[in-house]
C-alpha atoms as a PDB file:
ATOM      1  CA  MET A   1       6.160  22.194 -18.981  1.00  0.00           C
ATOM      2  CA  LYS A   2       7.856  20.255 -16.161  1.00  0.00           C
ATOM      3  CA  ARG A   3       4.693  20.457 -14.109  1.00  0.00           C
ATOM      4  CA  THR A   4       2.613  19.009 -16.954  1.00  0.00           C
ATOM      5  CA  VAL A   5       5.048  16.124 -17.462  1.00  0.00           C
ATOM      6  CA  ALA A   6       5.066  15.377 -13.722  1.00  0.00           C
ATOM      7  CA  THR A   7       1.256  15.405 -13.642  1.00  0.00           C
ATOM      8  CA  VAL A   8       1.011  13.018 -16.586  1.00  0.00           C
ATOM      9  CA  VAL A   9       3.601  10.675 -15.085  1.00  0.00           C
ATOM     10  CA  LEU A  10       1.870  10.662 -11.697  1.00  0.00           C
ATOM     11  CA  ALA A  11      -1.563  10.093 -13.243  1.00  0.00           C
ATOM     12  CA  THR A  12      -0.195   7.179 -15.265  1.00  0.00           C
ATOM     13  CA  ALA A  13       1.391   5.663 -12.165  1.00  0.00           C
ATOM     14  CA  LEU A  14      -1.841   5.923 -10.218  1.00  0.00           C
ATOM     15  CA  LEU A  15      -3.664   4.258 -13.096  1.00  0.00           C
ATOM     16  CA  PHE A  16      -1.334   1.264 -12.949  1.00  0.00           C
ATOM     17  CA  ALA A  17      -0.784   1.261  -9.179  1.00  0.00           C
ATOM     18  CA  GLY A  18      -3.038  -1.741  -8.679  1.00  0.00           C
ATOM     19  CA  CYS A  19      -3.510  -1.482  -4.926  1.00  0.00           C
ATOM     20  CA  ALA A  20      -6.712   0.346  -4.103  1.00  0.00           C
ATOM     21  CA  PRO A  21      -7.335   1.369  -0.495  1.00  0.00           C
ATOM     22  CA  LEU A  22      -9.637  -0.665   1.724  1.00  0.00           C
ATOM     23  CA  THR A  23     -13.353   0.046   1.512  1.00  0.00           C
ATOM     24  CA  TYR A  24     -15.272   1.115   4.598  1.00  0.00           C
ATOM     25  CA  GLN A  25     -16.482  -2.456   5.282  1.00  0.00           C
ATOM     26  CA  GLN A  26     -13.009  -3.899   4.704  1.00  0.00           C
ATOM     27  CA  ARG A  27     -11.532  -1.375   7.160  1.00  0.00           C
ATOM     28  CA  ALA A  28     -14.160  -2.347   9.748  1.00  0.00           C
ATOM     29  CA  ASP A  29     -13.378  -6.048   9.290  1.00  0.00           C
ATOM     30  CA  TYR A  30      -9.623  -5.392   9.391  1.00  0.00           C
ATOM     31  CA  ASP A  31      -9.909  -3.331  12.587  1.00  0.00           C
ATOM     32  CA  LEU A  32     -12.044  -6.063  14.224  1.00  0.00           C
ATOM     33  CA  TRP A  33      -9.594  -8.813  13.234  1.00  0.00           C
ATOM     34  CA  LYS A  34      -6.687  -6.685  14.440  1.00  0.00           C
ATOM     35  CA  ALA A  35      -8.374  -6.107  17.816  1.00  0.00           C
ATOM     36  CA  GLN A  36      -8.913  -9.878  18.085  1.00  0.00           C
ATOM     37  CA  GLY A  37      -5.282 -10.533  17.145  1.00  0.00           C
ATOM     38  CA  LYS A  38      -6.256 -12.523  14.049  1.00  0.00           C
ATOM     39  CA  VAL A  39      -4.612 -10.425  11.323  1.00  0.00           C
ATOM     40  CA  ILE A  40      -2.072 -12.342   9.273  1.00  0.00           C
ATOM     41  CA  GLN A  41       0.786  -9.909   8.803  1.00  0.00           C
ATOM     42  CA  GLU A  42       2.501 -10.530   5.482  1.00  0.00           C
ATOM     43  CA  LYS A  43       3.744  -6.935   5.275  1.00  0.00           C
ATOM     44  CA  SER A  44       4.641  -4.644   8.159  1.00  0.00           C
ATOM     45  CA  GLU A  45       2.859  -1.285   8.156  1.00  0.00           C
ATOM     46  CA  THR A  46       5.777   0.262  10.044  1.00  0.00           C
ATOM     47  CA  ALA A  47       8.337  -1.045   7.551  1.00  0.00           C
ATOM     48  CA  ALA A  48       6.155   0.178   4.669  1.00  0.00           C
ATOM     49  CA  PHE A  49       6.053   3.661   6.200  1.00  0.00           C
ATOM     50  CA  PHE A  50       9.786   3.962   6.731  1.00  0.00           C
ATOM     51  CA  LEU A  51      10.650   2.408   3.373  1.00  0.00           C
ATOM     52  CA  GLY A  52       8.394   5.080   1.860  1.00  0.00           C
ATOM     53  CA  LEU A  53      11.041   7.621   2.806  1.00  0.00           C
ATOM     54  CA  LEU A  54      13.399   5.999   0.293  1.00  0.00           C
ATOM     55  CA  PRO A  55      12.925   6.419  -3.471  1.00  0.00           C
ATOM     56  CA  GLY A  56       9.872   4.249  -4.220  1.00  0.00           C
ATOM     57  CA  GLY A  57      10.559   2.009  -1.231  1.00  0.00           C
ATOM     58  CA  GLY A  58       7.073   1.881   0.275  1.00  0.00           C
ATOM     59  CA  SER A  59       5.454   1.181  -3.077  1.00  0.00           C
ATOM     60  CA  PHE A  60       7.923  -1.502  -4.113  1.00  0.00           C
ATOM     61  CA  TYR A  61       7.628  -3.152  -0.681  1.00  0.00           C
ATOM     62  CA  THR A  62       3.855  -3.440  -1.091  1.00  0.00           C
ATOM     63  CA  ARG A  63       4.025  -4.697  -4.694  1.00  0.00           C
ATOM     64  CA  GLN A  64       2.856  -1.451  -6.308  1.00  0.00           C
ATOM     65  CA  TYR A  65       5.554  -1.407  -8.957  1.00  0.00           C
ATOM     66  CA  GLY A  66       4.043   1.178 -11.304  1.00  0.00           C
ATOM     67  CA  ILE A  67       3.808   3.879  -8.699  1.00  0.00           C
ATOM     68  CA  GLY A  68       7.157   2.771  -7.256  1.00  0.00           C
ATOM     69  CA  VAL A  69       8.873   3.672 -10.524  1.00  0.00           C
ATOM     70  CA  VAL A  70       7.195   7.079 -10.586  1.00  0.00           C
ATOM     71  CA  ASP A  71       8.028   7.663  -6.923  1.00  0.00           C
ATOM     72  CA  THR A  72      11.656   6.885  -7.704  1.00  0.00           C
ATOM     73  CA  LEU A  73      11.638   9.422 -10.531  1.00  0.00           C
ATOM     74  CA  LEU A  74       9.920  12.076  -8.418  1.00  0.00           C
ATOM     75  CA  TRP A  75      12.002  11.559  -5.295  1.00  0.00           C
ATOM     76  CA  PRO A  76      12.449  13.539  -2.951  1.00  0.00           C
ATOM     77  CA  LEU A  77       8.980  14.961  -3.639  1.00  0.00           C
ATOM     78  CA  SER A  78       7.454  11.473  -3.365  1.00  0.00           C
ATOM     79  CA  VAL A  79       8.326  11.429   0.346  1.00  0.00           C
ATOM     80  CA  LEU A  80       5.105  13.424   0.782  1.00  0.00           C
ATOM     81  CA  TRP A  81       2.859  10.542  -0.330  1.00  0.00           C
ATOM     82  CA  ASP A  82       4.814   7.288  -0.570  1.00  0.00           C
ATOM     83  CA  PRO A  83       4.859   6.460   3.175  1.00  0.00           C
ATOM     84  CA  SER A  84       1.042   6.578   3.318  1.00  0.00           C
ATOM     85  CA  ILE A  85       0.760   4.587   0.073  1.00  0.00           C
ATOM     86  CA  GLY A  86       3.040   1.972   1.616  1.00  0.00           C
ATOM     87  CA  VAL A  87       0.960   1.710   4.790  1.00  0.00           C
ATOM     88  CA  GLY A  88      -2.262   1.431   2.778  1.00  0.00           C
ATOM     89  CA  GLY A  89      -0.726  -1.245   0.582  1.00  0.00           C
ATOM     90  CA  ALA A  90       0.474  -3.232   3.602  1.00  0.00           C
ATOM     91  CA  LYS A  91      -3.003  -3.083   5.143  1.00  0.00           C
ATOM     92  CA  LYS A  92      -4.558  -4.265   1.870  1.00  0.00           C
ATOM     93  CA  ILE A  93      -2.129  -7.198   1.558  1.00  0.00           C
ATOM     94  CA  ASN A  94      -2.674  -8.184   5.207  1.00  0.00           C
ATOM     95  CA  PHE A  95      -6.454  -7.884   4.815  1.00  0.00           C
ATOM     96  CA  GLU A  96      -6.447 -10.131   1.750  1.00  0.00           C
ATOM     97  CA  ALA A  97      -4.217 -12.730   3.446  1.00  0.00           C
ATOM     98  CA  THR A  98      -6.436 -12.785   6.537  1.00  0.00           C
ATOM     99  CA  LYS A  99      -9.648 -12.976   4.509  1.00  0.00           C
ATOM    100  CA  TYR A 100      -8.242 -15.830   2.433  1.00  0.00           C
ATOM    101  CA  ALA A 101      -7.274 -17.722   5.591  1.00  0.00           C
ATOM    102  CA  LYS A 102     -10.728 -17.161   7.108  1.00  0.00           C
ATOM    103  CA  ASP A 103     -12.471 -18.290   3.910  1.00  0.00           C
ATOM    104  CA  ALA A 104     -10.277 -21.402   3.752  1.00  0.00           C
ATOM    105  CA  GLY A 105     -11.268 -22.241   7.343  1.00  0.00           C
ATOM    106  CA  ARG A 106      -7.815 -21.744   8.805  1.00  0.00           C
ATOM    107  CA  LEU A 107      -9.003 -18.963  11.128  1.00  0.00           C
ATOM    108  CA  PRO A 108     -12.057 -19.015  13.426  1.00  0.00           C
END
């Protein structure tokens, strides 16, 4: 019974997480911009990783509030996935900030 409840809660959190990982093309663009030193860093990937060790910290830091609540409820088990969710969320936020700046003509 506990396992079923945990599965339902986790599935619901993932549904409302809101921060999908980068696509293949987005990752390629992000890696190129990072190599050129053009990435606008709104969120630190390192901070997101280490905050992921706290209850919901990585998710809350990267504005993924739905999964952050579930991670808090499932802590310490959430330590297995929340650091990587935090890093992915930080990359997504930084990608979007950099793309917006490039589209607005603020970056070459």
